[in-house]
């Protein structure tokens, strides 16, 4: 496969996943803010600052303290044009990548991404705030999740599908680590643990398998669950499987830097007790995971979709 095609598939998978995740984070926190948080005690602004951190906007200016934080964060994270991680920007990037490899996609996959793109382009901040943000956010979530299902159902499970899988689970790993680092479980253990579960779509799965519903059990579930599709361990395993299908390296070995880095990450998640991983604090562990995920992303691109060298 051409490295250009591999690169487009990887970034298409990542950006559709990013749009879905940001939409879910905004929806969960918007509803929690309306129901549980007062603008008078500072918790409202702290909540929305944490949302900005979840979304990766760590260097943004201070949010207003006049109760307008929700609208400011929504506008920036949903429709901001000056960053590449907003919902609208992510969908635009995904569709641009899909357009460049249209011949390698099924008709159903192309329609799924194009319909999502046309819907997002038809919306604006004023309209969505007037109608209620949840309507827009949930439609984005539904369409992005449908894209994943259509991809699984209509693409050959060969190289193209594997690159999509790598992009999807790579971004899920990265964003789950960001959510883990943004919640303040040390100071507000159970409310923040519940918020983490909701942002990860994990409330019902956690309740089904956990006999002791304590904040530390929530962290263990989000980090180490073998069966929950948004846990860090599950994401790392799915990326590893896709990489080995591409390289055909024997399981348990590595053939390039991406597989080596991922093997080390998997070993930590498979064999380190959660108390040991979190001994330095949740935020410290999350920062380590974020850094490892960024290194892994670069290694994947360099190993499988290196930039073409221009001959002079």
C-alpha atoms as a PDB file:
ATOM      1  CA  UNK A   1       0.000   0.000   0.000  1.00  0.00           C
ATOM      2  CA  UNK A   2       1.183   3.522  -0.765  1.00  0.00           C
ATOM      3  CA  UNK A   3       2.343   5.393   2.328  1.00  0.00           C
ATOM      4  CA  UNK A   4       0.035   8.270   1.279  1.00  0.00           C
ATOM      5  CA  UNK A   5      -2.996   5.968   1.517  1.00  0.00           C
ATOM      6  CA  UNK A   6      -1.852   4.524   4.846  1.00  0.00           C
ATOM      7  CA  UNK A   7      -1.334   8.018   6.233  1.00  0.00           C
ATOM      8  CA  UNK A   8      -4.796   9.157   5.108  1.00  0.00           C
ATOM      9  CA  UNK A   9      -6.495   6.113   6.637  1.00  0.00           C
ATOM     10  CA  UNK A  10      -4.649   6.549   9.934  1.00  0.00           C
ATOM     11  CA  UNK A  11      -5.576  10.229  10.248  1.00  0.00           C
ATOM     12  CA  UNK A  12      -9.125   9.667   9.060  1.00  0.00           C
ATOM     13  CA  UNK A  13      -9.598   7.072  11.795  1.00  0.00           C
ATOM     14  CA  UNK A  14      -8.011   9.336  14.400  1.00  0.00           C
ATOM     15  CA  UNK A  15     -10.045  12.420  13.528  1.00  0.00           C
ATOM     16  CA  UNK A  16     -13.434  10.707  13.393  1.00  0.00           C
ATOM     17  CA  UNK A  17     -12.653   9.204  16.795  1.00  0.00           C
ATOM     18  CA  UNK A  18     -11.535  12.635  18.058  1.00  0.00           C
ATOM     19  CA  UNK A  19     -14.785  14.283  16.934  1.00  0.00           C
ATOM     20  CA  UNK A  20     -16.845  11.598  18.682  1.00  0.00           C
ATOM     21  CA  UNK A  21     -14.814  11.869  21.891  1.00  0.00           C
ATOM     22  CA  UNK A  22     -14.935  15.665  22.088  1.00  0.00           C
ATOM     23  CA  UNK A  23     -18.689  15.577  21.440  1.00  0.00           C
ATOM     24  CA  UNK A  24     -19.147  13.072  24.255  1.00  0.00           C
ATOM     25  CA  UNK A  25     -16.974  15.042  26.692  1.00  0.00           C
ATOM     26  CA  UNK A  26     -18.879  18.249  25.968  1.00  0.00           C
ATOM     27  CA  UNK A  27     -22.283  16.572  26.227  1.00  0.00           C
ATOM     28  CA  UNK A  28     -21.535  14.869  29.544  1.00  0.00           C
ATOM     29  CA  UNK A  29     -20.093  17.983  31.149  1.00  0.00           C
ATOM     30  CA  UNK A  30     -22.719  20.349  29.784  1.00  0.00           C
ATOM     31  CA  UNK A  31     -25.463  18.236  31.357  1.00  0.00           C
ATOM     32  CA  UNK A  32     -23.563  17.830  34.632  1.00  0.00           C
ATOM     33  CA  UNK A  33     -22.904  21.573  34.825  1.00  0.00           C
ATOM     34  CA  UNK A  34     -26.561  22.380  34.340  1.00  0.00           C
ATOM     35  CA  UNK A  35     -27.677  19.861  36.982  1.00  0.00           C
ATOM     36  CA  UNK A  36     -24.978  19.798  39.657  1.00  0.00           C
ATOM     37  CA  UNK A  37     -22.718  22.833  39.615  1.00  0.00           C
ATOM     38  CA  UNK A  38     -23.223  26.381  40.877  1.00  0.00           C
ATOM     39  CA  UNK A  39     -21.489  29.335  39.278  1.00  0.00           C
ATOM     40  CA  UNK A  40     -20.919  30.818  42.745  1.00  0.00           C
ATOM     41  CA  UNK A  41     -18.408  28.431  44.349  1.00  0.00           C
ATOM     42  CA  UNK A  42     -15.823  28.200  41.578  1.00  0.00           C
ATOM     43  CA  UNK A  43     -16.602  24.575  40.744  1.00  0.00           C
ATOM     44  CA  UNK A  44     -18.362  25.574  37.522  1.00  0.00           C
ATOM     45  CA  UNK A  45     -15.262  27.244  36.106  1.00  0.00           C
ATOM     46  CA  UNK A  46     -13.017  24.419  37.364  1.00  0.00           C
ATOM     47  CA  UNK A  47     -15.236  21.928  35.563  1.00  0.00           C
ATOM     48  CA  UNK A  48     -14.908  23.738  32.249  1.00  0.00           C
ATOM     49  CA  UNK A  49     -11.173  24.233  32.663  1.00  0.00           C
ATOM     50  CA  UNK A  50     -10.912  20.472  33.096  1.00  0.00           C
ATOM     51  CA  UNK A  51     -12.937  20.021  29.900  1.00  0.00           C
ATOM     52  CA  UNK A  52     -10.427  22.175  28.053  1.00  0.00           C
ATOM     53  CA  UNK A  53      -7.644  19.998  29.464  1.00  0.00           C
ATOM     54  CA  UNK A  54      -9.501  16.838  28.428  1.00  0.00           C
ATOM     55  CA  UNK A  55      -9.793  18.178  24.913  1.00  0.00           C
ATOM     56  CA  UNK A  56      -6.113  19.075  24.818  1.00  0.00           C
ATOM     57  CA  UNK A  57      -6.447  22.866  24.914  1.00  0.00           C
ATOM     58  CA  UNK A  58      -4.050  23.463  27.806  1.00  0.00           C
ATOM     59  CA  UNK A  59      -2.720  26.876  26.751  1.00  0.00           C
ATOM     60  CA  UNK A  60      -5.994  28.696  26.234  1.00  0.00           C
ATOM     61  CA  UNK A  61      -6.756  32.015  27.993  1.00  0.00           C
ATOM     62  CA  UNK A  62      -8.513  32.125  31.351  1.00  0.00           C
ATOM     63  CA  UNK A  63     -12.207  31.360  31.188  1.00  0.00           C
ATOM     64  CA  UNK A  64     -14.751  34.006  32.230  1.00  0.00           C
ATOM     65  CA  UNK A  65     -16.092  33.821  35.790  1.00  0.00           C
ATOM     66  CA  UNK A  66     -19.510  35.257  34.937  1.00  0.00           C
ATOM     67  CA  UNK A  67     -21.263  31.973  34.171  1.00  0.00           C
ATOM     68  CA  UNK A  68     -20.339  32.065  30.475  1.00  0.00           C
ATOM     69  CA  UNK A  69     -17.634  29.378  30.660  1.00  0.00           C
ATOM     70  CA  UNK A  70     -19.899  26.689  29.174  1.00  0.00           C
ATOM     71  CA  UNK A  71     -20.683  28.703  26.031  1.00  0.00           C
ATOM     72  CA  UNK A  72     -17.047  29.764  25.588  1.00  0.00           C
ATOM     73  CA  UNK A  73     -15.739  26.208  25.905  1.00  0.00           C
ATOM     74  CA  UNK A  74     -18.488  24.836  23.664  1.00  0.00           C
ATOM     75  CA  UNK A  75     -17.757  27.384  20.939  1.00  0.00           C
ATOM     76  CA  UNK A  76     -14.028  26.677  21.082  1.00  0.00           C
ATOM     77  CA  UNK A  77     -14.212  22.877  21.277  1.00  0.00           C
ATOM     78  CA  UNK A  78     -17.087  22.423  18.832  1.00  0.00           C
ATOM     79  CA  UNK A  79     -16.490  25.051  16.154  1.00  0.00           C
ATOM     80  CA  UNK A  80     -13.087  26.623  16.825  1.00  0.00           C
ATOM     81  CA  UNK A  81     -11.296  27.221  13.539  1.00  0.00           C
ATOM     82  CA  UNK A  82      -7.971  28.216  15.083  1.00  0.00           C
ATOM     83  CA  UNK A  83      -7.207  24.698  16.321  1.00  0.00           C
ATOM     84  CA  UNK A  84      -7.229  21.261  14.693  1.00  0.00           C
ATOM     85  CA  UNK A  85      -8.875  19.407  17.589  1.00  0.00           C
ATOM     86  CA  UNK A  86     -12.341  20.981  17.579  1.00  0.00           C
ATOM     87  CA  UNK A  87     -15.233  18.841  16.385  1.00  0.00           C
ATOM     88  CA  UNK A  88     -15.671  20.793  13.144  1.00  0.00           C
ATOM     89  CA  UNK A  89     -11.924  20.802  12.397  1.00  0.00           C
ATOM     90  CA  UNK A  90     -11.566  17.076  13.132  1.00  0.00           C
ATOM     91  CA  UNK A  91     -14.446  16.195  10.818  1.00  0.00           C
ATOM     92  CA  UNK A  92     -13.049  18.472   8.121  1.00  0.00           C
ATOM     93  CA  UNK A  93      -9.620  16.818   8.353  1.00  0.00           C
ATOM     94  CA  UNK A  94     -11.160  13.339   8.286  1.00  0.00           C
ATOM     95  CA  UNK A  95     -13.220  14.149   5.201  1.00  0.00           C
ATOM     96  CA  UNK A  96     -10.221  15.698   3.417  1.00  0.00           C
ATOM     97  CA  UNK A  97      -8.268  12.497   4.010  1.00  0.00           C
ATOM     98  CA  UNK A  98     -11.208  10.407   2.809  1.00  0.00           C
ATOM     99  CA  UNK A  99     -11.520  12.512  -0.340  1.00  0.00           C
ATOM    100  CA  UNK A 100      -7.895  11.821  -1.231  1.00  0.00           C
ATOM    101  CA  UNK A 101      -8.379   8.030  -1.059  1.00  0.00           C
ATOM    102  CA  UNK A 102     -11.974   7.807  -2.271  1.00  0.00           C
ATOM    103  CA  UNK A 103     -11.158   4.838  -4.528  1.00  0.00           C
ATOM    104  CA  UNK A 104      -9.883   2.809  -1.550  1.00  0.00           C
ATOM    105  CA  UNK A 105     -13.101   3.215   0.466  1.00  0.00           C
ATOM    106  CA  UNK A 106     -16.456   1.500   0.162  1.00  0.00           C
ATOM    107  CA  UNK A 107     -19.377   3.657  -0.972  1.00  0.00           C
ATOM    108  CA  UNK A 108     -20.943   3.259   2.467  1.00  0.00           C
ATOM    109  CA  UNK A 109     -17.832   4.496   4.280  1.00  0.00           C
ATOM    110  CA  UNK A 110     -17.551   7.509   1.985  1.00  0.00           C
ATOM    111  CA  UNK A 111     -21.217   8.384   2.470  1.00  0.00           C
ATOM    112  CA  UNK A 112     -20.909   8.068   6.252  1.00  0.00           C
ATOM    113  CA  UNK A 113     -18.019  10.526   6.464  1.00  0.00           C
ATOM    114  CA  UNK A 114     -19.451  12.882   3.841  1.00  0.00           C
ATOM    115  CA  UNK A 115     -22.872  13.081   5.502  1.00  0.00           C
ATOM    116  CA  UNK A 116     -21.209  13.828   8.854  1.00  0.00           C
ATOM    117  CA  UNK A 117     -19.090  16.523   7.201  1.00  0.00           C
ATOM    118  CA  UNK A 118     -22.062  18.183   5.487  1.00  0.00           C
ATOM    119  CA  UNK A 119     -24.032  18.194   8.724  1.00  0.00           C
ATOM    120  CA  UNK A 120     -21.174  19.733  10.732  1.00  0.00           C
ATOM    121  CA  UNK A 121     -20.561  22.383   8.064  1.00  0.00           C
ATOM    122  CA  UNK A 122     -24.231  23.374   8.129  1.00  0.00           C
ATOM    123  CA  UNK A 123     -24.143  24.173  11.870  1.00  0.00           C
ATOM    124  CA  UNK A 124     -22.870  27.169  13.824  1.00  0.00           C
ATOM    125  CA  UNK A 125     -22.507  28.200  17.455  1.00  0.00           C
ATOM    126  CA  UNK A 126     -25.572  30.450  17.570  1.00  0.00           C
ATOM    127  CA  UNK A 127     -27.875  27.867  16.047  1.00  0.00           C
ATOM    128  CA  UNK A 128     -26.706  24.971  18.209  1.00  0.00           C
ATOM    129  CA  UNK A 129     -26.840  26.965  21.448  1.00  0.00           C
ATOM    130  CA  UNK A 130     -30.359  28.118  20.606  1.00  0.00           C
ATOM    131  CA  UNK A 131     -31.513  24.547  19.966  1.00  0.00           C
ATOM    132  CA  UNK A 132     -29.510  23.126  22.875  1.00  0.00           C
ATOM    133  CA  UNK A 133     -25.960  21.762  22.453  1.00  0.00           C
ATOM    134  CA  UNK A 134     -26.970  18.158  23.169  1.00  0.00           C
ATOM    135  CA  UNK A 135     -28.879  17.891  19.892  1.00  0.00           C
ATOM    136  CA  UNK A 136     -25.770  18.688  17.842  1.00  0.00           C
ATOM    137  CA  UNK A 137     -23.371  16.739  20.064  1.00  0.00           C
ATOM    138  CA  UNK A 138     -25.422  13.572  20.085  1.00  0.00           C
ATOM    139  CA  UNK A 139     -25.898  13.648  16.340  1.00  0.00           C
ATOM    140  CA  UNK A 140     -22.119  13.908  15.912  1.00  0.00           C
ATOM    141  CA  UNK A 141     -21.626  11.020  18.351  1.00  0.00           C
ATOM    142  CA  UNK A 142     -24.178   8.850  16.562  1.00  0.00           C
ATOM    143  CA  UNK A 143     -22.730   9.587  13.124  1.00  0.00           C
ATOM    144  CA  UNK A 144     -19.133   8.953  14.221  1.00  0.00           C
ATOM    145  CA  UNK A 145     -20.088   5.672  15.872  1.00  0.00           C
ATOM    146  CA  UNK A 146     -22.019   4.706  12.744  1.00  0.00           C
ATOM    147  CA  UNK A 147     -18.888   5.406  10.689  1.00  0.00           C
ATOM    148  CA  UNK A 148     -16.959   2.902  12.813  1.00  0.00           C
ATOM    149  CA  UNK A 149     -19.689   0.292  12.361  1.00  0.00           C
ATOM    150  CA  UNK A 150     -19.969   0.843   8.610  1.00  0.00           C
ATOM    151  CA  UNK A 151     -16.177   0.582   8.273  1.00  0.00           C
ATOM    152  CA  UNK A 152     -16.164  -2.745  10.091  1.00  0.00           C
ATOM    153  CA  UNK A 153     -19.092  -4.042   8.046  1.00  0.00           C
ATOM    154  CA  UNK A 154     -18.153  -2.956   4.506  1.00  0.00           C
ATOM    155  CA  UNK A 155     -14.358  -2.861   4.236  1.00  0.00           C
ATOM    156  CA  UNK A 156     -12.172  -5.876   3.656  1.00  0.00           C
ATOM    157  CA  UNK A 157     -10.400  -6.564   6.926  1.00  0.00           C
ATOM    158  CA  UNK A 158      -7.038  -6.116   5.262  1.00  0.00           C
ATOM    159  CA  UNK A 159      -4.486  -3.321   5.271  1.00  0.00           C
ATOM    160  CA  UNK A 160      -6.990  -0.482   4.809  1.00  0.00           C
ATOM    161  CA  UNK A 161      -9.114  -1.600   7.745  1.00  0.00           C
ATOM    162  CA  UNK A 162      -6.048  -2.183   9.929  1.00  0.00           C
ATOM    163  CA  UNK A 163      -4.830   1.389   9.389  1.00  0.00           C
ATOM    164  CA  UNK A 164      -8.284   2.684  10.325  1.00  0.00           C
ATOM    165  CA  UNK A 165      -8.223   0.528  13.458  1.00  0.00           C
ATOM    166  CA  UNK A 166      -4.806   1.833  14.438  1.00  0.00           C
ATOM    167  CA  UNK A 167      -5.939   5.445  14.034  1.00  0.00           C
ATOM    168  CA  UNK A 168      -9.190   4.862  15.916  1.00  0.00           C
ATOM    169  CA  UNK A 169      -7.670   3.093  18.923  1.00  0.00           C
ATOM    170  CA  UNK A 170      -4.585   5.299  18.996  1.00  0.00           C
ATOM    171  CA  UNK A 171      -6.749   8.375  19.455  1.00  0.00           C
ATOM    172  CA  UNK A 172      -8.995   6.572  21.930  1.00  0.00           C
ATOM    173  CA  UNK A 173      -5.934   5.637  23.997  1.00  0.00           C
ATOM    174  CA  UNK A 174      -4.685   9.226  23.904  1.00  0.00           C
ATOM    175  CA  UNK A 175      -8.026  10.815  24.789  1.00  0.00           C
ATOM    176  CA  UNK A 176      -8.771   8.331  27.583  1.00  0.00           C
ATOM    177  CA  UNK A 177      -5.398   9.230  29.110  1.00  0.00           C
ATOM    178  CA  UNK A 178      -6.294  12.929  28.815  1.00  0.00           C
ATOM    179  CA  UNK A 179      -9.636  12.364  30.557  1.00  0.00           C
ATOM    180  CA  UNK A 180      -7.887  10.413  33.293  1.00  0.00           C
ATOM    181  CA  UNK A 181      -5.523  13.322  33.870  1.00  0.00           C
ATOM    182  CA  UNK A 182      -8.243  15.981  33.856  1.00  0.00           C
ATOM    183  CA  UNK A 183     -10.493  14.569  36.595  1.00  0.00           C
ATOM    184  CA  UNK A 184      -9.756  15.534  40.206  1.00  0.00           C
ATOM    185  CA  UNK A 185     -10.342  12.209  41.912  1.00  0.00           C
ATOM    186  CA  UNK A 186      -7.971  12.993  44.781  1.00  0.00           C
ATOM    187  CA  UNK A 187     -10.079  15.955  45.983  1.00  0.00           C
ATOM    188  CA  UNK A 188     -13.570  14.894  44.855  1.00  0.00           C
ATOM    189  CA  UNK A 189     -13.295  11.105  44.698  1.00  0.00           C
ATOM    190  CA  UNK A 190     -16.744   9.806  43.827  1.00  0.00           C
ATOM    191  CA  UNK A 191     -18.233  12.756  41.840  1.00  0.00           C
ATOM    192  CA  UNK A 192     -15.126  12.862  39.652  1.00  0.00           C
ATOM    193  CA  UNK A 193     -15.036   9.070  39.314  1.00  0.00           C
ATOM    194  CA  UNK A 194     -18.632   9.169  38.108  1.00  0.00           C
ATOM    195  CA  UNK A 195     -17.776  11.935  35.646  1.00  0.00           C
ATOM    196  CA  UNK A 196     -14.886   9.868  34.288  1.00  0.00           C
ATOM    197  CA  UNK A 197     -17.178   6.877  33.796  1.00  0.00           C
ATOM    198  CA  UNK A 198     -19.745   9.005  31.958  1.00  0.00           C
ATOM    199  CA  UNK A 199     -17.128  10.603  29.694  1.00  0.00           C
ATOM    200  CA  UNK A 200     -15.833   7.126  28.804  1.00  0.00           C
ATOM    201  CA  UNK A 201     -19.342   5.650  28.219  1.00  0.00           C
ATOM    202  CA  UNK A 202     -18.447   3.256  31.028  1.00  0.00           C
ATOM    203  CA  UNK A 203     -21.124   3.673  33.694  1.00  0.00           C
ATOM    204  CA  UNK A 204     -23.240   0.631  32.836  1.00  0.00           C
ATOM    205  CA  UNK A 205     -20.304  -1.687  31.969  1.00  0.00           C
ATOM    206  CA  UNK A 206     -18.576  -0.752  35.243  1.00  0.00           C
ATOM    207  CA  UNK A 207     -21.723  -1.389  37.298  1.00  0.00           C
ATOM    208  CA  UNK A 208     -22.140  -4.792  35.647  1.00  0.00           C
ATOM    209  CA  UNK A 209     -18.690  -6.116  36.545  1.00  0.00           C
ATOM    210  CA  UNK A 210     -17.636  -4.228  39.690  1.00  0.00           C
ATOM    211  CA  UNK A 211     -18.612  -5.603  43.084  1.00  0.00           C
ATOM    212  CA  UNK A 212     -16.861  -2.811  45.010  1.00  0.00           C
ATOM    213  CA  UNK A 213     -17.835   0.548  43.575  1.00  0.00           C
ATOM    214  CA  UNK A 214     -15.056   2.773  44.890  1.00  0.00           C
ATOM    215  CA  UNK A 215     -13.096   5.478  43.026  1.00  0.00           C
ATOM    216  CA  UNK A 216      -9.996   3.237  42.901  1.00  0.00           C
ATOM    217  CA  UNK A 217     -12.108   0.511  41.259  1.00  0.00           C
ATOM    218  CA  UNK A 218     -13.227   3.033  38.634  1.00  0.00           C
ATOM    219  CA  UNK A 219      -9.600   3.889  37.856  1.00  0.00           C
ATOM    220  CA  UNK A 220      -8.681   0.214  37.655  1.00  0.00           C
ATOM    221  CA  UNK A 221     -11.575  -0.416  35.247  1.00  0.00           C
ATOM    222  CA  UNK A 222     -10.717   2.488  32.934  1.00  0.00           C
ATOM    223  CA  UNK A 223      -7.024   1.572  32.913  1.00  0.00           C
ATOM    224  CA  UNK A 224      -6.951  -2.227  33.005  1.00  0.00           C
ATOM    225  CA  UNK A 225     -10.241  -3.749  31.853  1.00  0.00           C
ATOM    226  CA  UNK A 226      -9.581  -6.466  29.284  1.00  0.00           C
ATOM    227  CA  UNK A 227     -13.101  -6.361  27.847  1.00  0.00           C
ATOM    228  CA  UNK A 228     -14.189  -2.711  27.882  1.00  0.00           C
ATOM    229  CA  UNK A 229     -13.459  -1.145  24.456  1.00  0.00           C
ATOM    230  CA  UNK A 230     -12.379   2.230  25.859  1.00  0.00           C
ATOM    231  CA  UNK A 231      -9.974   1.056  28.550  1.00  0.00           C
ATOM    232  CA  UNK A 232      -6.302   1.846  28.077  1.00  0.00           C
ATOM    233  CA  UNK A 233      -5.405  -1.836  28.097  1.00  0.00           C
ATOM    234  CA  UNK A 234      -8.012  -2.741  25.481  1.00  0.00           C
ATOM    235  CA  UNK A 235      -6.912   0.091  23.167  1.00  0.00           C
ATOM    236  CA  UNK A 236      -3.228  -0.860  23.434  1.00  0.00           C
ATOM    237  CA  UNK A 237      -4.057  -4.486  22.641  1.00  0.00           C
ATOM    238  CA  UNK A 238      -6.105  -3.584  19.554  1.00  0.00           C
ATOM    239  CA  UNK A 239      -3.365  -1.310  18.183  1.00  0.00           C
ATOM    240  CA  UNK A 240      -0.797  -4.058  18.809  1.00  0.00           C
ATOM    241  CA  UNK A 241      -2.881  -6.637  16.983  1.00  0.00           C
ATOM    242  CA  UNK A 242      -3.379  -4.366  13.980  1.00  0.00           C
ATOM    243  CA  UNK A 243       0.316  -3.493  13.812  1.00  0.00           C
ATOM    244  CA  UNK A 244       1.317  -7.161  13.887  1.00  0.00           C
ATOM    245  CA  UNK A 245      -1.222  -7.998  11.191  1.00  0.00           C
ATOM    246  CA  UNK A 246       0.430  -5.366   9.003  1.00  0.00           C
ATOM    247  CA  UNK A 247       4.050  -6.295   9.716  1.00  0.00           C
ATOM    248  CA  UNK A 248       3.385 -10.044  10.119  1.00  0.00           C
ATOM    249  CA  UNK A 249       5.935 -10.080  12.935  1.00  0.00           C
ATOM    250  CA  UNK A 250       5.381 -12.977  15.359  1.00  0.00           C
ATOM    251  CA  UNK A 251       3.303 -12.038  18.395  1.00  0.00           C
ATOM    252  CA  UNK A 252       5.578 -11.183  21.306  1.00  0.00           C
ATOM    253  CA  UNK A 253       8.281  -9.757  19.044  1.00  0.00           C
ATOM    254  CA  UNK A 254       8.707  -6.419  17.310  1.00  0.00           C
ATOM    255  CA  UNK A 255       9.785  -5.466  13.832  1.00  0.00           C
ATOM    256  CA  UNK A 256       9.897  -1.682  14.121  1.00  0.00           C
ATOM    257  CA  UNK A 257       9.917   1.173  16.624  1.00  0.00           C
ATOM    258  CA  UNK A 258       6.124   1.405  16.808  1.00  0.00           C
ATOM    259  CA  UNK A 259       5.792  -2.247  17.812  1.00  0.00           C
ATOM    260  CA  UNK A 260       8.646  -1.915  20.316  1.00  0.00           C
ATOM    261  CA  UNK A 261       7.099   1.102  22.031  1.00  0.00           C
ATOM    262  CA  UNK A 262       3.689  -0.508  22.089  1.00  0.00           C
ATOM    263  CA  UNK A 263       5.101  -3.763  23.463  1.00  0.00           C
ATOM    264  CA  UNK A 264       6.629  -1.851  26.366  1.00  0.00           C
ATOM    265  CA  UNK A 265       3.345  -0.043  27.028  1.00  0.00           C
ATOM    266  CA  UNK A 266       1.395  -3.306  26.901  1.00  0.00           C
ATOM    267  CA  UNK A 267       3.814  -4.947  29.317  1.00  0.00           C
ATOM    268  CA  UNK A 268       3.219  -2.145  31.832  1.00  0.00           C
ATOM    269  CA  UNK A 269      -0.569  -2.402  31.483  1.00  0.00           C
ATOM    270  CA  UNK A 270      -0.565  -6.218  31.566  1.00  0.00           C
ATOM    271  CA  UNK A 271       1.774  -6.811  34.489  1.00  0.00           C
ATOM    272  CA  UNK A 272       1.793  -3.737  36.756  1.00  0.00           C
ATOM    273  CA  UNK A 273      -0.757  -3.578  39.623  1.00  0.00           C
ATOM    274  CA  UNK A 274      -2.937  -0.481  39.490  1.00  0.00           C
ATOM    275  CA  UNK A 275      -1.774   0.696  42.934  1.00  0.00           C
ATOM    276  CA  UNK A 276       1.815   0.656  41.714  1.00  0.00           C
ATOM    277  CA  UNK A 277       0.943   2.536  38.525  1.00  0.00           C
ATOM    278  CA  UNK A 278      -0.879   5.220  40.506  1.00  0.00           C
ATOM    279  CA  UNK A 279       1.617   5.455  43.374  1.00  0.00           C
ATOM    280  CA  UNK A 280       2.797   8.871  42.176  1.00  0.00           C
ATOM    281  CA  UNK A 281      -0.744  10.153  41.681  1.00  0.00           C
ATOM    282  CA  UNK A 282      -3.351   9.870  38.944  1.00  0.00           C
ATOM    283  CA  UNK A 283      -2.221  13.018  37.139  1.00  0.00           C
ATOM    284  CA  UNK A 284       1.408  11.844  37.057  1.00  0.00           C
ATOM    285  CA  UNK A 285       0.421   8.477  35.598  1.00  0.00           C
ATOM    286  CA  UNK A 286      -1.890  10.152  33.051  1.00  0.00           C
ATOM    287  CA  UNK A 287       0.902  12.517  31.970  1.00  0.00           C
ATOM    288  CA  UNK A 288       3.162   9.496  31.389  1.00  0.00           C
ATOM    289  CA  UNK A 289       0.470   7.810  29.285  1.00  0.00           C
ATOM    290  CA  UNK A 290      -0.134  10.975  27.257  1.00  0.00           C
ATOM    291  CA  UNK A 291       3.576  11.297  26.529  1.00  0.00           C
ATOM    292  CA  UNK A 292       3.873   7.610  25.600  1.00  0.00           C
ATOM    293  CA  UNK A 293       0.840   7.885  23.317  1.00  0.00           C
ATOM    294  CA  UNK A 294       2.345  10.889  21.521  1.00  0.00           C
ATOM    295  CA  UNK A 295       5.641   9.027  21.021  1.00  0.00           C
ATOM    296  CA  UNK A 296       3.719   5.992  19.778  1.00  0.00           C
ATOM    297  CA  UNK A 297       1.767   8.062  17.251  1.00  0.00           C
ATOM    298  CA  UNK A 298       4.968   9.491  15.815  1.00  0.00           C
ATOM    299  CA  UNK A 299       6.543   6.038  15.668  1.00  0.00           C
ATOM    300  CA  UNK A 300       3.517   4.622  13.810  1.00  0.00           C
ATOM    301  CA  UNK A 301       3.638   7.376  11.197  1.00  0.00           C
ATOM    302  CA  UNK A 302       7.400   7.029  10.760  1.00  0.00           C
ATOM    303  CA  UNK A 303       7.195   3.220  10.489  1.00  0.00           C
ATOM    304  CA  UNK A 304       4.172   2.877   8.204  1.00  0.00           C
ATOM    305  CA  UNK A 305       3.551   6.201   6.486  1.00  0.00           C
ATOM    306  CA  UNK A 306       6.843   8.091   6.270  1.00  0.00           C
ATOM    307  CA  UNK A 307       6.741  11.398   4.378  1.00  0.00           C
ATOM    308  CA  UNK A 308       7.888  11.183   0.789  1.00  0.00           C
ATOM    309  CA  UNK A 309      11.312  12.631   0.092  1.00  0.00           C
ATOM    310  CA  UNK A 310      11.316  15.213  -2.684  1.00  0.00           C
ATOM    311  CA  UNK A 311      14.121  14.647  -5.159  1.00  0.00           C
ATOM    312  CA  UNK A 312      15.874  17.840  -6.252  1.00  0.00           C
END
